[in-house]
């Protein structure tokens, strides 16, 4: 009876089925024709000034450098602070972003206690073309240097004692991410079919109760009276 009632609802709501098929088909074409996105990720290392005691600035790590990196992140992002994720390796694309940039000071701590142990800013950029990604990346990297200079200008740091930056990979690598079109197409079909079926059941008439069910309810009503 359930299948028969469902088939009856589909027949009566044929216009909903047609609309659902059309929308699902269009979504499928979009999935197949989507060219993917371009993505780049690079670390910007804050380096202490070289000295006789610490000749290799890359090997120097201090709380002051980490704190300065945190200030740069805060100034750059403003009030739009990124959400902390459980996995520090999570990408901007994994967050569902298809265009934009993200700059964070990696936090390796847990839910209750943050832990910043590297003077590194994680810079991620995603966009529709390689050119747009490289342009946005150059803007963000330049802005990091500008903010760092402004901070040291305001505090009167001498040129010989200034913190500088080093890009881990120069130029940063840009990757073309296309995803898995076949899997996306299958999921689109399943989602479209489920939504169409739900819409048919929502707008269609409710299944009529069976004769036996009506008789049982009638008997209960008479007994209660």
N, C-alpha and C. Protein backbone atom coordinates (compact mmCIF):
# COMPACT_ATOMS: atom_id res chain seq x y z
N UNK A 1 0.82 -1.20 0.00
CA UNK A 1 0.00 0.00 0.00
C UNK A 1 0.86 1.26 0.00
N UNK A 2 2.00 1.22 0.69
CA UNK A 2 2.86 2.39 0.74
C UNK A 2 3.37 2.74 -0.65
N UNK A 3 3.81 1.73 -1.39
CA UNK A 3 4.33 1.97 -2.74
C UNK A 3 3.22 2.48 -3.64
N UNK A 4 2.03 1.90 -3.50
CA UNK A 4 0.89 2.34 -4.32
C UNK A 4 0.53 3.79 -4.02
N UNK A 5 0.51 4.15 -2.74
CA UNK A 5 0.22 5.53 -2.37
C UNK A 5 1.29 6.49 -2.88
N UNK A 6 2.55 6.05 -2.82
CA UNK A 6 3.65 6.88 -3.31
C UNK A 6 3.54 7.10 -4.81
N UNK A 7 3.24 6.02 -5.52
CA UNK A 7 3.08 6.14 -6.97
C UNK A 7 1.91 7.05 -7.32
N UNK A 8 0.84 6.98 -6.55
CA UNK A 8 -0.32 7.84 -6.77
C UNK A 8 0.06 9.31 -6.54
N UNK A 9 0.86 9.56 -5.52
CA UNK A 9 1.30 10.93 -5.25
C UNK A 9 2.19 11.46 -6.36
N UNK A 10 3.05 10.59 -6.89
CA UNK A 10 3.93 11.00 -7.98
C UNK A 10 3.12 11.33 -9.22
N UNK A 11 2.11 10.54 -9.52
CA UNK A 11 1.28 10.79 -10.70
C UNK A 11 0.52 12.10 -10.55
N UNK A 12 -0.01 12.35 -9.37
CA UNK A 12 -0.79 13.57 -9.17
C UNK A 12 0.11 14.81 -9.09
N UNK A 13 1.33 14.62 -8.62
CA UNK A 13 2.26 15.75 -8.55
C UNK A 13 3.30 15.71 -9.64
N UNK A 14 2.89 15.33 -10.84
CA UNK A 14 3.83 15.17 -11.94
C UNK A 14 4.60 16.46 -12.24
N UNK A 15 3.95 17.61 -12.06
CA UNK A 15 4.60 18.88 -12.35
C UNK A 15 5.77 19.13 -11.38
N UNK A 16 5.63 18.65 -10.15
CA UNK A 16 6.73 18.77 -9.19
C UNK A 16 7.89 17.88 -9.62
N UNK A 17 7.57 16.68 -10.09
CA UNK A 17 8.60 15.76 -10.55
C UNK A 17 9.36 16.35 -11.74
N UNK A 18 8.62 16.94 -12.69
CA UNK A 18 9.27 17.54 -13.85
C UNK A 18 10.20 18.68 -13.43
N UNK A 19 9.72 19.53 -12.53
CA UNK A 19 10.55 20.63 -12.05
C UNK A 19 11.79 20.11 -11.34
N UNK A 20 11.63 19.06 -10.54
CA UNK A 20 12.77 18.48 -9.83
C UNK A 20 13.79 17.89 -10.77
N UNK A 21 13.32 17.19 -11.81
CA UNK A 21 14.23 16.59 -12.79
C UNK A 21 15.01 17.68 -13.53
N UNK A 22 14.31 18.74 -13.92
CA UNK A 22 14.97 19.83 -14.64
C UNK A 22 16.04 20.49 -13.77
N UNK A 23 15.70 20.79 -12.52
CA UNK A 23 16.66 21.44 -11.61
C UNK A 23 17.86 20.53 -11.34
N UNK A 24 17.59 19.23 -11.14
CA UNK A 24 18.68 18.29 -10.88
C UNK A 24 19.59 18.16 -12.10
N UNK A 25 18.99 18.15 -13.29
CA UNK A 25 19.78 18.06 -14.52
C UNK A 25 20.68 19.28 -14.69
N UNK A 26 20.11 20.47 -14.45
CA UNK A 26 20.90 21.69 -14.56
C UNK A 26 22.05 21.69 -13.55
N UNK A 27 21.76 21.24 -12.34
CA UNK A 27 22.81 21.16 -11.32
C UNK A 27 23.89 20.17 -11.74
N UNK A 28 23.49 19.07 -12.37
CA UNK A 28 24.45 18.08 -12.83
C UNK A 28 25.36 18.65 -13.92
N UNK A 29 24.78 19.42 -14.85
CA UNK A 29 25.60 20.05 -15.89
C UNK A 29 26.60 21.03 -15.27
N UNK A 30 26.16 21.76 -14.25
CA UNK A 30 27.05 22.72 -13.59
C UNK A 30 28.22 21.99 -12.94
N UNK A 31 27.92 20.86 -12.30
CA UNK A 31 28.97 20.09 -11.63
C UNK A 31 29.99 19.58 -12.65
N UNK A 32 29.52 19.10 -13.79
CA UNK A 32 30.42 18.54 -14.79
C UNK A 32 31.25 19.62 -15.48
N UNK A 33 30.68 20.81 -15.65
CA UNK A 33 31.37 21.87 -16.37
C UNK A 33 32.21 22.76 -15.46
N UNK A 34 32.08 22.57 -14.15
CA UNK A 34 32.84 23.41 -13.22
C UNK A 34 34.34 23.10 -13.34
N UNK A 35 35.14 24.13 -13.53
CA UNK A 35 36.57 23.95 -13.77
C UNK A 35 37.39 23.80 -12.50
N UNK A 36 36.76 23.84 -11.36
CA UNK A 36 37.50 23.73 -10.12
C UNK A 36 38.03 25.09 -9.67
N UNK A 37 38.95 25.07 -8.73
CA UNK A 37 39.52 26.31 -8.19
C UNK A 37 41.04 26.19 -8.13
N UNK A 38 41.68 27.33 -7.98
CA UNK A 38 43.13 27.38 -7.80
C UNK A 38 43.42 27.75 -6.36
N UNK A 39 44.40 27.06 -5.79
CA UNK A 39 44.65 27.19 -4.35
C UNK A 39 46.15 27.23 -4.07
N UNK A 40 46.52 28.08 -3.13
CA UNK A 40 47.93 28.18 -2.75
C UNK A 40 48.02 28.36 -1.24
N UNK A 41 49.06 27.77 -0.66
CA UNK A 41 49.29 27.87 0.78
C UNK A 41 50.78 28.00 1.03
N UNK A 42 51.16 28.96 1.85
CA UNK A 42 52.57 29.18 2.11
C UNK A 42 52.74 29.73 3.53
N UNK A 43 53.87 29.41 4.14
CA UNK A 43 54.20 29.93 5.47
C UNK A 43 55.07 31.18 5.34
N UNK A 44 54.72 32.19 6.11
CA UNK A 44 55.54 33.39 6.22
C UNK A 44 56.22 33.36 7.58
N UNK A 45 57.53 33.27 7.59
CA UNK A 45 58.30 33.12 8.83
C UNK A 45 58.79 34.49 9.30
N UNK A 46 58.53 34.81 10.55
CA UNK A 46 59.07 36.03 11.15
C UNK A 46 60.45 35.72 11.73
N UNK A 47 61.46 36.45 11.27
CA UNK A 47 62.84 36.16 11.66
C UNK A 47 63.41 37.28 12.52
N UNK A 48 64.11 36.87 13.55
CA UNK A 48 64.79 37.84 14.42
C UNK A 48 66.03 38.38 13.72
N UNK A 49 66.47 39.56 14.06
CA UNK A 49 67.70 40.09 13.47
C UNK A 49 68.90 39.24 13.85
N UNK A 50 69.80 39.06 12.92
CA UNK A 50 70.99 38.25 13.18
C UNK A 50 71.91 38.96 14.18
N UNK A 51 72.58 38.14 14.98
CA UNK A 51 73.52 38.69 15.97
C UNK A 51 74.64 37.69 16.17
N UNK A 52 75.65 38.08 16.94
CA UNK A 52 76.76 37.17 17.23
C UNK A 52 76.29 35.97 18.03
N UNK A 53 75.29 36.19 18.88
CA UNK A 53 74.77 35.10 19.71
C UNK A 53 73.87 34.19 18.90
N UNK A 54 73.07 34.78 17.99
CA UNK A 54 72.15 34.00 17.15
C UNK A 54 72.40 34.37 15.69
N UNK A 55 73.43 33.81 15.08
CA UNK A 55 73.76 34.18 13.70
C UNK A 55 72.73 33.69 12.68
N UNK A 56 72.02 32.61 13.00
CA UNK A 56 71.02 32.06 12.08
C UNK A 56 69.64 32.47 12.55
N UNK A 57 69.06 33.47 11.91
CA UNK A 57 67.76 33.98 12.35
C UNK A 57 66.64 32.98 12.11
N UNK A 58 66.83 32.06 11.15
CA UNK A 58 65.80 31.05 10.89
C UNK A 58 65.67 30.07 12.05
N UNK A 59 66.75 29.87 12.78
CA UNK A 59 66.73 28.91 13.88
C UNK A 59 66.36 29.56 15.21
N UNK A 60 66.09 30.86 15.19
CA UNK A 60 65.78 31.57 16.42
C UNK A 60 64.27 31.61 16.64
N UNK A 61 63.84 31.11 17.77
CA UNK A 61 62.42 31.14 18.13
C UNK A 61 62.28 31.78 19.51
N UNK A 62 61.37 32.73 19.62
CA UNK A 62 61.16 33.38 20.91
C UNK A 62 59.71 33.77 21.05
N UNK A 63 59.30 34.00 22.29
CA UNK A 63 57.94 34.43 22.54
C UNK A 63 57.63 35.78 21.93
N UNK A 64 58.65 36.65 21.83
CA UNK A 64 58.44 37.97 21.24
C UNK A 64 58.08 37.86 19.76
N UNK A 65 58.76 36.97 19.05
CA UNK A 65 58.45 36.78 17.63
C UNK A 65 57.04 36.23 17.44
N UNK A 66 56.67 35.26 18.27
CA UNK A 66 55.33 34.67 18.18
C UNK A 66 54.27 35.71 18.51
N UNK A 67 54.54 36.52 19.53
CA UNK A 67 53.59 37.56 19.90
C UNK A 67 53.45 38.59 18.79
N UNK A 68 54.55 38.94 18.16
CA UNK A 68 54.50 39.88 17.04
C UNK A 68 53.70 39.31 15.88
N UNK A 69 53.89 38.02 15.60
CA UNK A 69 53.11 37.37 14.55
C UNK A 69 51.62 37.43 14.87
N UNK A 70 51.27 37.24 16.13
CA UNK A 70 49.87 37.33 16.54
C UNK A 70 49.31 38.72 16.36
N UNK A 71 50.12 39.75 16.62
CA UNK A 71 49.67 41.13 16.43
C UNK A 71 49.43 41.41 14.95
N UNK A 72 50.34 40.93 14.10
CA UNK A 72 50.17 41.11 12.66
C UNK A 72 48.88 40.44 12.19
N UNK A 73 48.63 39.23 12.67
CA UNK A 73 47.40 38.52 12.29
C UNK A 73 46.17 39.31 12.72
N UNK A 74 46.17 39.84 13.94
CA UNK A 74 45.02 40.58 14.45
C UNK A 74 44.78 41.85 13.65
N UNK A 75 45.84 42.59 13.35
CA UNK A 75 45.71 43.82 12.58
C UNK A 75 45.21 43.52 11.17
N UNK A 76 45.73 42.46 10.57
CA UNK A 76 45.36 42.12 9.20
C UNK A 76 43.91 41.67 9.10
N UNK A 77 43.47 40.83 10.03
CA UNK A 77 42.10 40.29 9.98
C UNK A 77 41.07 41.21 10.61
N UNK A 78 41.49 42.09 11.51
CA UNK A 78 40.54 42.97 12.18
C UNK A 78 39.60 42.17 13.06
N UNK A 79 38.32 42.53 12.99
CA UNK A 79 37.31 41.84 13.80
C UNK A 79 36.88 40.52 13.18
N UNK A 80 37.27 40.29 11.92
CA UNK A 80 36.88 39.07 11.23
C UNK A 80 37.90 37.98 11.52
N UNK A 81 37.91 37.49 12.74
CA UNK A 81 38.87 36.46 13.13
C UNK A 81 38.40 35.09 12.65
N UNK A 82 39.29 34.28 12.05
CA UNK A 82 38.90 32.94 11.59
C UNK A 82 38.59 32.03 12.76
N UNK A 83 37.66 31.10 12.52
CA UNK A 83 37.30 30.13 13.56
C UNK A 83 38.43 29.14 13.77
N UNK A 84 38.64 28.76 15.01
CA UNK A 84 39.64 27.74 15.33
C UNK A 84 39.09 26.37 14.97
N UNK A 85 39.88 25.60 14.22
CA UNK A 85 39.49 24.25 13.83
C UNK A 85 40.32 23.23 14.60
N UNK A 86 39.76 22.04 14.71
CA UNK A 86 40.45 20.99 15.46
C UNK A 86 41.75 20.58 14.77
N UNK A 87 41.80 20.67 13.45
CA UNK A 87 42.97 20.26 12.69
C UNK A 87 43.63 21.49 12.07
N UNK A 88 44.87 21.75 12.43
CA UNK A 88 45.56 22.93 11.92
C UNK A 88 45.86 22.84 10.43
N UNK A 89 45.83 21.63 9.88
CA UNK A 89 46.11 21.46 8.45
C UNK A 89 44.88 21.68 7.58
N UNK A 90 43.74 22.02 8.18
CA UNK A 90 42.52 22.25 7.41
C UNK A 90 42.74 23.39 6.42
N UNK A 91 42.26 23.22 5.20
CA UNK A 91 42.50 24.20 4.15
C UNK A 91 41.31 25.15 4.00
N UNK A 92 41.57 26.24 3.31
CA UNK A 92 40.51 27.21 3.03
C UNK A 92 39.45 26.59 2.13
N UNK A 93 39.88 25.74 1.19
CA UNK A 93 38.93 25.05 0.32
C UNK A 93 38.08 24.08 1.13
N UNK A 94 38.70 23.42 2.10
CA UNK A 94 37.96 22.51 2.96
C UNK A 94 36.90 23.20 3.79
N UNK A 95 37.05 24.49 4.02
CA UNK A 95 36.04 25.27 4.74
C UNK A 95 34.86 25.62 3.84
N UNK A 96 34.98 25.32 2.55
CA UNK A 96 33.89 25.63 1.62
C UNK A 96 34.07 26.94 0.88
N UNK A 97 35.24 27.57 1.01
CA UNK A 97 35.49 28.85 0.34
C UNK A 97 36.00 28.60 -1.08
N UNK A 98 35.47 29.36 -2.04
CA UNK A 98 35.90 29.26 -3.42
C UNK A 98 36.66 30.50 -3.89
N UNK A 99 36.64 31.54 -3.09
CA UNK A 99 37.37 32.77 -3.42
C UNK A 99 37.69 33.51 -2.12
N UNK A 100 38.94 33.92 -1.97
CA UNK A 100 39.30 34.68 -0.78
C UNK A 100 40.66 34.29 -0.25
N UNK A 101 41.00 34.83 0.91
CA UNK A 101 42.30 34.57 1.53
C UNK A 101 42.12 34.39 3.03
N UNK A 102 43.12 33.77 3.64
CA UNK A 102 43.08 33.49 5.07
C UNK A 102 44.50 33.57 5.62
N UNK A 103 44.66 34.30 6.72
CA UNK A 103 45.96 34.42 7.39
C UNK A 103 45.76 34.09 8.86
N UNK A 104 46.46 33.07 9.34
CA UNK A 104 46.30 32.66 10.74
C UNK A 104 47.67 32.34 11.34
N UNK A 105 47.75 32.55 12.65
CA UNK A 105 48.88 32.07 13.43
C UNK A 105 48.51 30.69 13.93
N UNK A 106 49.17 29.62 13.44
CA UNK A 106 48.75 28.25 13.78
C UNK A 106 48.69 28.02 15.28
N UNK A 107 47.57 27.46 15.72
CA UNK A 107 47.35 27.14 17.13
C UNK A 107 47.31 25.62 17.27
N UNK A 108 48.32 25.05 17.90
CA UNK A 108 48.39 23.60 18.06
C UNK A 108 47.82 23.14 19.39
N UNK A 109 47.18 24.03 20.11
CA UNK A 109 46.61 23.67 21.40
C UNK A 109 45.26 23.00 21.27
N UNK A 110 44.66 22.67 22.41
CA UNK A 110 43.37 22.02 22.43
C UNK A 110 42.24 23.01 22.62
N UNK A 111 41.09 22.49 23.05
CA UNK A 111 39.90 23.32 23.20
C UNK A 111 40.05 24.33 24.33
N UNK A 112 40.73 23.93 25.40
CA UNK A 112 40.79 24.77 26.59
C UNK A 112 42.08 25.56 26.72
N UNK A 113 43.12 25.12 26.05
CA UNK A 113 44.42 25.79 26.21
C UNK A 113 45.08 25.98 24.85
N UNK A 114 45.16 27.22 24.34
CA UNK A 114 45.84 27.45 23.07
C UNK A 114 47.34 27.27 23.21
N UNK A 115 47.99 27.00 22.09
CA UNK A 115 49.44 26.79 22.10
C UNK A 115 50.03 27.32 20.80
N UNK A 116 50.71 28.44 20.89
CA UNK A 116 51.37 29.03 19.73
C UNK A 116 52.87 28.84 19.92
N UNK A 117 53.45 27.95 19.12
CA UNK A 117 54.86 27.60 19.32
C UNK A 117 55.74 27.90 18.12
N UNK A 118 55.21 28.59 17.12
CA UNK A 118 56.01 28.92 15.94
C UNK A 118 55.70 30.35 15.51
N UNK A 119 56.73 31.08 15.12
CA UNK A 119 56.53 32.46 14.65
C UNK A 119 56.26 32.43 13.15
N UNK A 120 55.16 31.78 12.79
CA UNK A 120 54.81 31.55 11.40
C UNK A 120 53.37 31.99 11.16
N UNK A 121 53.14 32.66 10.05
CA UNK A 121 51.79 33.00 9.62
C UNK A 121 51.43 32.11 8.44
N UNK A 122 50.33 31.40 8.58
CA UNK A 122 49.84 30.50 7.54
C UNK A 122 48.97 31.31 6.58
N UNK A 123 49.42 31.45 5.34
CA UNK A 123 48.72 32.27 4.34
C UNK A 123 48.12 31.35 3.28
N UNK A 124 46.79 31.40 3.14
CA UNK A 124 46.10 30.59 2.15
C UNK A 124 45.27 31.49 1.24
N UNK A 125 45.25 31.15 -0.05
CA UNK A 125 44.50 31.92 -1.03
C UNK A 125 43.80 30.95 -1.98
N UNK A 126 42.55 31.24 -2.31
CA UNK A 126 41.80 30.42 -3.26
C UNK A 126 41.07 31.36 -4.22
N UNK A 127 40.99 30.95 -5.49
CA UNK A 127 40.33 31.79 -6.49
C UNK A 127 40.02 31.01 -7.75
N UNK A 128 39.32 31.64 -8.71
CA UNK A 128 38.91 30.94 -9.92
C UNK A 128 40.02 30.76 -10.95
N UNK A 129 41.08 31.58 -10.87
CA UNK A 129 42.18 31.48 -11.83
C UNK A 129 43.52 31.56 -11.10
N UNK A 130 44.55 31.08 -11.77
CA UNK A 130 45.89 31.14 -11.17
C UNK A 130 46.34 32.59 -11.02
N UNK A 131 45.98 33.42 -12.01
CA UNK A 131 46.39 34.82 -11.96
C UNK A 131 45.76 35.55 -10.77
N UNK A 132 44.48 35.28 -10.52
CA UNK A 132 43.81 35.94 -9.40
C UNK A 132 44.39 35.49 -8.07
N UNK A 133 44.77 34.22 -7.98
CA UNK A 133 45.36 33.71 -6.74
C UNK A 133 46.72 34.36 -6.49
N UNK A 134 47.54 34.43 -7.52
CA UNK A 134 48.87 35.03 -7.35
C UNK A 134 48.76 36.53 -7.02
N UNK A 135 47.81 37.21 -7.63
CA UNK A 135 47.64 38.64 -7.35
C UNK A 135 47.20 38.86 -5.90
N UNK A 136 46.24 38.08 -5.43
CA UNK A 136 45.77 38.21 -4.05
C UNK A 136 46.87 37.81 -3.07
N UNK A 137 47.62 36.79 -3.44
CA UNK A 137 48.71 36.35 -2.56
C UNK A 137 49.78 37.44 -2.43
N UNK A 138 50.12 38.07 -3.54
CA UNK A 138 51.11 39.15 -3.50
C UNK A 138 50.60 40.31 -2.65
N UNK A 139 49.31 40.60 -2.74
CA UNK A 139 48.73 41.68 -1.94
C UNK A 139 48.81 41.36 -0.45
N UNK A 140 48.45 40.12 -0.08
CA UNK A 140 48.47 39.73 1.33
C UNK A 140 49.89 39.72 1.88
N UNK A 141 50.83 39.16 1.12
CA UNK A 141 52.22 39.12 1.59
C UNK A 141 52.79 40.53 1.75
N UNK A 142 52.45 41.39 0.81
CA UNK A 142 52.90 42.77 0.94
C UNK A 142 52.28 43.48 2.13
N UNK A 143 51.01 43.17 2.39
CA UNK A 143 50.33 43.78 3.54
C UNK A 143 50.95 43.31 4.86
N UNK A 144 51.36 42.06 4.93
CA UNK A 144 52.03 41.55 6.14
C UNK A 144 53.30 42.34 6.42
N UNK A 145 54.10 42.57 5.38
CA UNK A 145 55.34 43.35 5.56
C UNK A 145 55.03 44.78 5.98
N UNK A 146 53.98 45.36 5.39
CA UNK A 146 53.60 46.74 5.74
C UNK A 146 53.20 46.84 7.21
N UNK A 147 52.37 45.91 7.67
CA UNK A 147 51.92 45.93 9.06
C UNK A 147 53.10 45.75 10.01
N UNK A 148 54.01 44.84 9.65
CA UNK A 148 55.18 44.60 10.50
C UNK A 148 56.05 45.86 10.60
N UNK A 149 56.21 46.55 9.48
CA UNK A 149 56.99 47.79 9.49
C UNK A 149 56.30 48.87 10.32
N UNK A 150 54.97 48.97 10.19
CA UNK A 150 54.22 49.97 10.95
C UNK A 150 54.35 49.73 12.45
N UNK A 151 54.27 48.47 12.86
CA UNK A 151 54.40 48.14 14.29
C UNK A 151 55.77 48.56 14.82
N UNK A 152 56.81 48.28 14.05
CA UNK A 152 58.17 48.59 14.50
C UNK A 152 58.48 50.08 14.40
N UNK A 153 57.83 50.77 13.45
CA UNK A 153 57.98 52.22 13.38
C UNK A 153 57.39 52.89 14.62
N UNK A 154 56.20 52.41 15.02
CA UNK A 154 55.52 53.01 16.16
C UNK A 154 56.28 52.79 17.47
N UNK A 155 56.99 51.68 17.56
CA UNK A 155 57.73 51.38 18.79
C UNK A 155 59.18 51.85 18.73
N UNK A 156 59.58 52.45 17.60
CA UNK A 156 60.92 53.02 17.49
C UNK A 156 62.04 52.00 17.42
N UNK A 157 61.80 50.87 16.78
CA UNK A 157 62.83 49.84 16.67
C UNK A 157 63.87 50.27 15.63
N UNK A 158 65.13 50.18 15.99
CA UNK A 158 66.21 50.54 15.07
C UNK A 158 66.26 49.57 13.90
N UNK A 159 66.76 50.06 12.77
CA UNK A 159 66.79 49.23 11.56
C UNK A 159 67.58 47.95 11.75
N UNK A 160 68.67 48.01 12.52
CA UNK A 160 69.51 46.84 12.72
C UNK A 160 68.84 45.79 13.59
N UNK A 161 67.87 46.20 14.36
CA UNK A 161 67.20 45.28 15.28
C UNK A 161 65.80 44.87 14.81
N UNK A 162 65.48 45.11 13.57
CA UNK A 162 64.12 44.89 13.10
C UNK A 162 63.86 43.43 12.74
N UNK A 163 62.60 43.02 13.01
CA UNK A 163 62.13 41.70 12.60
C UNK A 163 61.81 41.74 11.12
N UNK A 164 62.19 40.71 10.39
CA UNK A 164 61.91 40.62 8.96
C UNK A 164 61.10 39.36 8.68
N UNK A 165 60.68 39.20 7.44
CA UNK A 165 59.90 38.03 7.06
C UNK A 165 60.60 37.26 5.95
N UNK A 166 60.31 35.99 5.91
CA UNK A 166 60.84 35.10 4.87
C UNK A 166 59.72 34.17 4.43
N UNK A 167 59.47 34.11 3.13
CA UNK A 167 58.46 33.20 2.59
C UNK A 167 59.09 31.82 2.44
N UNK A 168 58.43 30.81 2.97
CA UNK A 168 59.00 29.46 2.98
C UNK A 168 59.29 28.96 1.57
N UNK A 169 58.39 29.23 0.64
CA UNK A 169 58.57 28.82 -0.76
C UNK A 169 58.34 30.06 -1.62
N UNK A 170 59.34 30.44 -2.38
CA UNK A 170 59.24 31.65 -3.20
C UNK A 170 59.67 31.34 -4.63
N UNK A 171 58.78 31.45 -5.61
CA UNK A 171 57.37 31.84 -5.45
C UNK A 171 56.52 30.69 -4.93
N UNK A 172 55.44 30.99 -4.22
CA UNK A 172 54.56 29.93 -3.70
C UNK A 172 53.92 29.13 -4.83
N UNK A 173 53.72 27.86 -4.57
CA UNK A 173 53.11 26.97 -5.56
C UNK A 173 51.60 27.16 -5.58
N UNK A 174 51.02 27.16 -6.77
CA UNK A 174 49.57 27.26 -6.94
C UNK A 174 49.06 25.94 -7.50
N UNK A 175 48.08 25.36 -6.84
CA UNK A 175 47.53 24.07 -7.25
C UNK A 175 46.15 24.25 -7.88
N UNK A 176 45.87 23.43 -8.88
CA UNK A 176 44.54 23.42 -9.50
C UNK A 176 43.75 22.24 -8.93
N UNK A 177 42.70 22.54 -8.20
CA UNK A 177 41.88 21.51 -7.56
C UNK A 177 40.58 21.34 -8.32
N UNK A 178 40.35 20.13 -8.83
CA UNK A 178 39.13 19.87 -9.60
C UNK A 178 38.14 18.99 -8.86
N UNK A 179 38.54 18.41 -7.73
CA UNK A 179 37.62 17.56 -6.99
C UNK A 179 37.37 16.24 -7.71
N UNK A 180 36.22 15.62 -7.45
CA UNK A 180 35.83 14.36 -8.08
C UNK A 180 34.46 14.55 -8.74
N UNK A 181 34.43 14.92 -10.03
CA UNK A 181 33.17 15.22 -10.71
C UNK A 181 32.17 14.06 -10.68
N UNK A 182 32.64 12.83 -10.84
CA UNK A 182 31.70 11.70 -10.87
C UNK A 182 31.00 11.54 -9.53
N UNK A 183 31.77 11.60 -8.46
CA UNK A 183 31.15 11.48 -7.14
C UNK A 183 30.21 12.64 -6.88
N UNK A 184 30.61 13.84 -7.30
CA UNK A 184 29.74 15.00 -7.12
C UNK A 184 28.45 14.85 -7.91
N UNK A 185 28.54 14.26 -9.11
CA UNK A 185 27.35 14.06 -9.93
C UNK A 185 26.40 13.07 -9.28
N UNK A 186 26.94 11.99 -8.72
CA UNK A 186 26.10 11.01 -8.03
C UNK A 186 25.42 11.65 -6.82
N UNK A 187 26.15 12.41 -6.04
CA UNK A 187 25.56 13.07 -4.88
C UNK A 187 24.51 14.09 -5.29
N UNK A 188 24.74 14.78 -6.41
CA UNK A 188 23.75 15.73 -6.90
C UNK A 188 22.47 15.02 -7.29
N UNK A 189 22.60 13.87 -7.97
CA UNK A 189 21.42 13.11 -8.37
C UNK A 189 20.65 12.60 -7.16
N UNK A 190 21.37 12.08 -6.17
CA UNK A 190 20.70 11.58 -4.96
C UNK A 190 20.01 12.71 -4.20
N UNK A 191 20.69 13.84 -4.08
CA UNK A 191 20.10 14.97 -3.37
C UNK A 191 18.89 15.51 -4.12
N UNK A 192 19.03 15.65 -5.44
CA UNK A 192 17.90 16.14 -6.23
C UNK A 192 16.71 15.20 -6.18
N UNK A 193 16.98 13.89 -6.25
CA UNK A 193 15.88 12.92 -6.17
C UNK A 193 15.19 12.95 -4.82
N UNK A 194 15.98 13.06 -3.75
CA UNK A 194 15.39 13.11 -2.41
C UNK A 194 14.55 14.35 -2.20
N UNK A 195 15.05 15.50 -2.66
CA UNK A 195 14.28 16.74 -2.51
C UNK A 195 13.01 16.71 -3.35
N UNK A 196 13.10 16.14 -4.55
CA UNK A 196 11.91 16.04 -5.40
C UNK A 196 10.86 15.15 -4.76
N UNK A 197 11.28 14.01 -4.24
CA UNK A 197 10.34 13.10 -3.58
C UNK A 197 9.72 13.76 -2.36
N UNK A 198 10.52 14.48 -1.60
CA UNK A 198 9.98 15.17 -0.44
C UNK A 198 8.97 16.23 -0.82
N UNK A 199 9.25 16.95 -1.91
CA UNK A 199 8.30 17.97 -2.37
C UNK A 199 7.00 17.35 -2.85
N UNK A 200 7.09 16.20 -3.53
CA UNK A 200 5.88 15.51 -3.99
C UNK A 200 5.02 15.10 -2.81
N UNK A 201 5.63 14.54 -1.80
CA UNK A 201 4.87 14.11 -0.61
C UNK A 201 4.32 15.30 0.16
N UNK A 202 5.02 16.43 0.08
CA UNK A 202 4.57 17.61 0.83
C UNK A 202 3.36 18.27 0.19
N UNK A 203 3.38 18.38 -1.14
CA UNK A 203 2.28 19.08 -1.82
C UNK A 203 1.15 18.14 -2.21
N UNK A 204 1.42 16.83 -2.25
CA UNK A 204 0.40 15.88 -2.65
C UNK A 204 -0.59 15.60 -1.55
N UNK A 205 -1.72 14.94 -1.88
CA UNK A 205 -2.72 14.60 -0.87
C UNK A 205 -2.20 13.52 0.06
N UNK A 206 -2.67 13.54 1.28
CA UNK A 206 -2.27 12.52 2.24
C UNK A 206 -2.86 11.18 1.84
N UNK A 207 -2.12 10.11 2.03
CA UNK A 207 -2.65 8.78 1.69
C UNK A 207 -3.91 8.49 2.48
N UNK A 208 -4.89 7.93 1.79
CA UNK A 208 -6.13 7.58 2.46
C UNK A 208 -5.93 6.36 3.35
N UNK A 209 -6.56 6.39 4.49
CA UNK A 209 -6.45 5.25 5.41
C UNK A 209 -7.17 4.04 4.83
N UNK A 210 -6.68 2.89 5.15
CA UNK A 210 -7.30 1.67 4.67
C UNK A 210 -8.66 1.47 5.34
N UNK A 211 -9.49 0.64 4.71
CA UNK A 211 -10.83 0.39 5.24
C UNK A 211 -10.75 -0.24 6.62
N UNK A 212 -9.83 -1.18 6.81
CA UNK A 212 -9.69 -1.82 8.11
C UNK A 212 -9.27 -0.82 9.17
N UNK A 213 -8.35 0.11 8.78
CA UNK A 213 -7.92 1.11 9.74
C UNK A 213 -9.06 2.02 10.15
N UNK A 214 -9.92 2.40 9.19
CA UNK A 214 -11.06 3.26 9.52
C UNK A 214 -12.02 2.54 10.44
N UNK A 215 -12.22 1.24 10.19
CA UNK A 215 -13.12 0.47 11.04
C UNK A 215 -12.58 0.36 12.46
N UNK A 216 -11.26 0.15 12.60
CA UNK A 216 -10.67 0.03 13.93
C UNK A 216 -10.79 1.34 14.70
N UNK A 217 -10.56 2.47 14.02
CA UNK A 217 -10.69 3.75 14.70
C UNK A 217 -12.13 4.05 15.07
N UNK A 218 -13.05 3.63 14.19
CA UNK A 218 -14.46 3.83 14.49
C UNK A 218 -14.87 3.02 15.70
N UNK A 219 -14.35 1.77 15.83
CA UNK A 219 -14.67 0.93 16.98
C UNK A 219 -14.14 1.52 18.27
N UNK A 220 -12.95 2.09 18.21
CA UNK A 220 -12.38 2.71 19.40
C UNK A 220 -13.21 3.91 19.83
N UNK A 221 -13.68 4.69 18.84
CA UNK A 221 -14.49 5.87 19.17
C UNK A 221 -15.80 5.47 19.81
N UNK A 222 -16.47 4.42 19.28
CA UNK A 222 -17.75 3.97 19.84
C UNK A 222 -17.55 3.45 21.25
N UNK A 223 -16.46 2.67 21.47
CA UNK A 223 -16.20 2.12 22.80
C UNK A 223 -15.93 3.23 23.81
N UNK A 224 -15.25 4.27 23.37
CA UNK A 224 -14.96 5.38 24.28
C UNK A 224 -16.22 6.13 24.64
N UNK A 225 -17.19 6.20 23.68
CA UNK A 225 -18.45 6.89 23.97
C UNK A 225 -19.31 6.08 24.89
